[in-house]
């Protein structure tokens, strides 16, 4: 993390910096984030950091244990299922209500092309970022800022466990995206809704099967993180 200059809104900057740090995948479930550590890394007092951590907890990205610190949020199989069911309902709504102009269709096609190149290069981080970006572009087509915020939060939570199950959907997503864009370009809304529904539900099914086989994770010893900065 880079040290922050003293601005007027430290809480927002601390929130953004810590969130980026989490979504970069540099933590695991047993890593501990403390106010002392973050204060030293960001060069600011503990108060805005505490507020930022509380916000991240409210968004479902971390859990805070009193007098111990903050940890990445872990999810039960039921919670994973619920997240994907909610995402499916919202993204089908996006396809049904969005306004997909030619410029946006072009943007979506460029996104799927980049995604395929990242898949070929086995660049997991960029591939997943591009996948998230593709769905964010779709959401913006609705003109509903609140819906975009909700979907972004769902994607962020999904990312916490998806980074470990990259291979479950990486090879099928570009094909689903291409088929979706083709249906949108033809104004074939029933087909587009069906493609979106099947795309998300199939990922959910594979992920839940994987988690069931994996079983309960062992409780490894917890140690305070000392990452490179």
Protein backbone atom coordinates (compact mmCIF):
# COMPACT_ATOMS: atom_id res chain seq x y z
CA UNK A 1 0.00 0.00 0.00
CA UNK A 2 1.11 3.56 -0.60
CA UNK A 3 1.05 6.15 2.16
CA UNK A 4 -1.77 8.66 1.85
CA UNK A 5 -1.40 12.41 1.92
CA UNK A 6 -3.53 14.07 4.57
CA UNK A 7 -6.81 14.97 2.79
CA UNK A 8 -10.16 16.25 3.95
CA UNK A 9 -11.87 12.90 3.75
CA UNK A 10 -9.52 10.32 5.23
CA UNK A 11 -12.23 7.74 5.81
CA UNK A 12 -13.15 7.51 2.12
CA UNK A 13 -9.53 7.26 1.03
CA UNK A 14 -8.76 4.67 3.71
CA UNK A 15 -11.83 2.69 2.64
CA UNK A 16 -10.77 2.72 -1.02
CA UNK A 17 -7.18 1.77 -0.24
CA UNK A 18 -8.08 -1.13 2.06
CA UNK A 19 -10.77 -2.36 -0.32
CA UNK A 20 -8.34 -2.39 -3.25
CA UNK A 21 -5.83 -4.24 -1.08
CA UNK A 22 -8.43 -6.92 -0.31
CA UNK A 23 -9.65 -7.28 -3.89
CA UNK A 24 -6.10 -7.60 -5.18
CA UNK A 25 -6.18 -11.02 -3.52
CA UNK A 26 -3.25 -10.38 -1.19
CA UNK A 27 -5.01 -11.77 1.88
CA UNK A 28 -6.33 -15.16 2.86
CA UNK A 29 -8.95 -16.14 5.43
CA UNK A 30 -6.35 -16.53 8.17
CA UNK A 31 -4.68 -13.14 7.68
CA UNK A 32 -5.39 -10.50 10.28
CA UNK A 33 -5.74 -6.79 9.53
CA UNK A 34 -5.26 -4.58 12.56
CA UNK A 35 -5.81 -0.86 12.97
CA UNK A 36 -2.16 -0.54 14.05
CA UNK A 37 -0.90 -2.23 10.88
CA UNK A 38 -3.12 -0.19 8.57
CA UNK A 39 -2.31 3.04 10.39
CA UNK A 40 1.39 2.43 9.85
CA UNK A 41 0.96 1.45 6.20
CA UNK A 42 -1.29 4.37 5.25
CA UNK A 43 0.32 6.96 7.50
CA UNK A 44 -2.93 8.09 9.11
CA UNK A 45 -4.59 7.79 12.52
CA UNK A 46 -6.69 4.82 13.61
CA UNK A 47 -10.02 6.68 13.67
CA UNK A 48 -10.66 6.88 9.89
CA UNK A 49 -9.32 3.34 9.53
CA UNK A 50 -11.83 2.10 12.09
CA UNK A 51 -14.66 3.78 10.20
CA UNK A 52 -13.41 2.33 6.90
CA UNK A 53 -13.26 -1.18 8.37
CA UNK A 54 -16.80 -0.82 9.73
CA UNK A 55 -17.99 0.13 6.24
CA UNK A 56 -16.24 -2.86 4.67
CA UNK A 57 -17.82 -5.12 7.28
CA UNK A 58 -21.26 -3.71 6.46
CA UNK A 59 -20.60 -4.53 2.78
CA UNK A 60 -19.82 -8.13 3.66
CA UNK A 61 -16.14 -8.14 2.70
CA UNK A 62 -14.64 -8.55 6.16
CA UNK A 63 -15.61 -9.59 9.67
CA UNK A 64 -14.33 -7.73 12.71
CA UNK A 65 -13.49 -9.51 15.96
CA UNK A 66 -13.31 -7.33 19.06
CA UNK A 67 -9.73 -6.74 20.26
CA UNK A 68 -8.39 -9.07 17.56
CA UNK A 69 -8.72 -7.33 14.21
CA UNK A 70 -10.41 -7.80 10.85
CA UNK A 71 -10.46 -10.94 8.72
CA UNK A 72 -11.69 -11.75 5.24
CA UNK A 73 -15.31 -12.78 5.21
CA UNK A 74 -15.89 -16.52 4.76
CA UNK A 75 -19.09 -17.90 3.25
CA UNK A 76 -21.13 -21.00 3.90
CA UNK A 77 -22.44 -23.02 0.97
CA UNK A 78 -25.90 -21.58 1.66
CA UNK A 79 -24.57 -18.03 1.54
CA UNK A 80 -22.79 -18.73 -1.76
CA UNK A 81 -26.02 -20.15 -3.17
CA UNK A 82 -27.98 -17.11 -1.96
CA UNK A 83 -25.49 -14.67 -3.51
CA UNK A 84 -25.66 -16.34 -6.90
CA UNK A 85 -29.45 -16.61 -6.80
CA UNK A 86 -29.67 -12.88 -6.07
CA UNK A 87 -27.13 -12.10 -8.78
CA UNK A 88 -29.05 -14.18 -11.31
CA UNK A 89 -32.32 -12.40 -10.56
CA UNK A 90 -30.72 -8.97 -10.82
CA UNK A 91 -28.73 -9.67 -13.98
CA UNK A 92 -31.70 -11.14 -15.80
CA UNK A 93 -33.51 -7.91 -14.85
CA UNK A 94 -30.55 -5.97 -16.30
CA UNK A 95 -30.88 -7.75 -19.64
CA UNK A 96 -34.64 -7.23 -19.63
CA UNK A 97 -34.56 -3.49 -18.88
CA UNK A 98 -31.23 -2.23 -20.25
CA UNK A 99 -30.85 0.01 -23.30
CA UNK A 100 -28.16 -1.59 -25.44
CA UNK A 101 -27.05 0.95 -28.04
CA UNK A 102 -24.60 0.03 -30.84
CA UNK A 103 -21.75 1.77 -29.00
CA UNK A 104 -22.40 -0.35 -25.93
CA UNK A 105 -22.60 -3.54 -28.01
CA UNK A 106 -19.20 -2.64 -29.47
CA UNK A 107 -17.82 -2.13 -25.95
CA UNK A 108 -19.13 -5.53 -24.86
CA UNK A 109 -17.60 -7.26 -27.88
CA UNK A 110 -14.24 -5.66 -27.13
CA UNK A 111 -14.53 -6.88 -23.55
CA UNK A 112 -15.10 -10.51 -24.57
CA UNK A 113 -12.14 -10.29 -26.97
CA UNK A 114 -9.88 -9.08 -24.16
CA UNK A 115 -11.22 -11.78 -21.87
CA UNK A 116 -10.28 -14.48 -24.37
CA UNK A 117 -6.76 -13.07 -24.67
CA UNK A 118 -6.35 -13.08 -20.88
CA UNK A 119 -7.66 -16.65 -20.74
CA UNK A 120 -5.14 -17.74 -23.37
CA UNK A 121 -2.34 -16.02 -21.44
CA UNK A 122 -3.57 -17.57 -18.16
CA UNK A 123 -3.69 -14.07 -16.66
CA UNK A 124 -6.22 -14.86 -13.95
CA UNK A 125 -6.36 -11.43 -12.31
CA UNK A 126 -7.00 -9.54 -15.54
CA UNK A 127 -9.42 -12.20 -16.77
CA UNK A 128 -11.60 -11.88 -13.67
CA UNK A 129 -11.36 -8.07 -13.72
CA UNK A 130 -12.54 -8.11 -17.34
CA UNK A 131 -15.39 -10.48 -16.49
CA UNK A 132 -16.53 -8.15 -13.70
CA UNK A 133 -16.20 -5.17 -16.05
CA UNK A 134 -18.37 -6.90 -18.69
CA UNK A 135 -21.22 -7.35 -16.23
CA UNK A 136 -20.77 -3.80 -14.90
CA UNK A 137 -21.18 -2.42 -18.44
CA UNK A 138 -24.40 -4.41 -18.77
CA UNK A 139 -25.68 -3.01 -15.48
CA UNK A 140 -24.95 0.59 -16.49
CA UNK A 141 -27.22 0.10 -19.50
CA UNK A 142 -30.18 0.18 -17.11
CA UNK A 143 -29.38 3.72 -15.97
CA UNK A 144 -30.08 2.51 -12.42
CA UNK A 145 -27.17 3.64 -10.23
CA UNK A 146 -28.52 1.87 -7.14
CA UNK A 147 -28.73 -1.42 -9.03
CA UNK A 148 -25.15 -0.96 -10.23
CA UNK A 149 -23.97 -0.44 -6.65
CA UNK A 150 -25.76 -3.57 -5.42
CA UNK A 151 -24.34 -5.70 -8.22
CA UNK A 152 -20.85 -4.33 -7.61
CA UNK A 153 -21.08 -5.31 -3.95
CA UNK A 154 -22.30 -8.81 -4.87
CA UNK A 155 -19.41 -9.19 -7.33
CA UNK A 156 -16.93 -8.08 -4.66
CA UNK A 157 -18.23 -10.67 -2.21
CA UNK A 158 -18.18 -13.38 -4.88
CA UNK A 159 -14.59 -12.45 -5.70
CA UNK A 160 -13.48 -13.45 -2.18
CA UNK A 161 -14.07 -17.13 -2.97
CA UNK A 162 -14.05 -17.03 -6.77
CA UNK A 163 -10.31 -16.27 -6.92
CA UNK A 164 -9.72 -19.81 -5.60
CA UNK A 165 -12.07 -21.47 -8.10
CA UNK A 166 -10.96 -19.74 -11.30
CA UNK A 167 -10.95 -22.90 -13.41
CA UNK A 168 -14.61 -23.70 -12.71
CA UNK A 169 -16.00 -21.14 -15.17
CA UNK A 170 -13.05 -19.51 -16.94
CA UNK A 171 -13.34 -21.57 -20.13
CA UNK A 172 -17.11 -21.19 -20.56
CA UNK A 173 -17.72 -17.53 -19.68
CA UNK A 174 -16.41 -15.97 -22.94
CA UNK A 175 -18.70 -18.19 -25.01
CA UNK A 176 -21.67 -17.25 -22.84
CA UNK A 177 -20.75 -13.56 -23.13
CA UNK A 178 -20.47 -13.77 -26.92
CA UNK A 179 -23.84 -15.50 -27.17
CA UNK A 180 -25.40 -12.88 -24.92
CA UNK A 181 -24.02 -9.98 -26.95
CA UNK A 182 -25.28 -11.57 -30.16
CA UNK A 183 -28.79 -11.93 -28.71
CA UNK A 184 -28.75 -8.31 -27.49
CA UNK A 185 -27.60 -7.06 -30.89
CA UNK A 186 -30.55 -8.87 -32.49
CA UNK A 187 -32.97 -7.49 -29.86
CA UNK A 188 -33.81 -11.09 -28.95
CA UNK A 189 -34.69 -10.39 -25.31
CA UNK A 190 -36.08 -13.86 -24.44
CA UNK A 191 -32.87 -15.49 -25.69
CA UNK A 192 -30.71 -12.93 -23.87
CA UNK A 193 -32.53 -13.50 -20.59
CA UNK A 194 -32.23 -17.26 -20.99
CA UNK A 195 -28.52 -17.06 -21.77
CA UNK A 196 -27.85 -14.85 -18.75
CA UNK A 197 -29.87 -17.10 -16.44
CA UNK A 198 -28.12 -20.27 -17.64
CA UNK A 199 -24.70 -18.58 -17.50
CA UNK A 200 -24.97 -17.66 -13.82
CA UNK A 201 -26.88 -20.73 -12.66
CA UNK A 202 -24.35 -23.08 -14.28
CA UNK A 203 -21.48 -21.34 -12.49
CA UNK A 204 -23.40 -21.54 -9.23
CA UNK A 205 -24.02 -25.25 -9.70
CA UNK A 206 -20.36 -26.04 -10.45
CA UNK A 207 -19.16 -23.91 -7.57
CA UNK A 208 -21.50 -25.52 -5.04
CA UNK A 209 -20.50 -28.99 -6.23
CA UNK A 210 -16.85 -28.01 -5.79
CA UNK A 211 -17.45 -26.63 -2.29
CA UNK A 212 -19.35 -29.75 -1.27
CA UNK A 213 -16.47 -31.96 -2.40
CA UNK A 214 -13.94 -29.75 -0.69
CA UNK A 215 -15.82 -30.06 2.58
CA UNK A 216 -15.07 -28.11 5.69
CA UNK A 217 -11.76 -26.28 5.62
CA UNK A 218 -9.36 -26.97 8.46
CA UNK A 219 -8.79 -24.22 11.02
CA UNK A 220 -5.24 -23.10 10.36
CA UNK A 221 -3.34 -21.03 12.97
CA UNK A 222 -3.98 -17.32 12.62
CA UNK A 223 -1.01 -14.99 12.22
CA UNK A 224 -0.84 -11.26 11.69
CA UNK A 225 0.00 -10.42 8.09
CA UNK A 226 3.31 -8.91 7.10
CA UNK A 227 2.88 -8.43 3.34
CA UNK A 228 5.18 -6.63 0.99
CA UNK A 229 4.24 -3.01 0.44
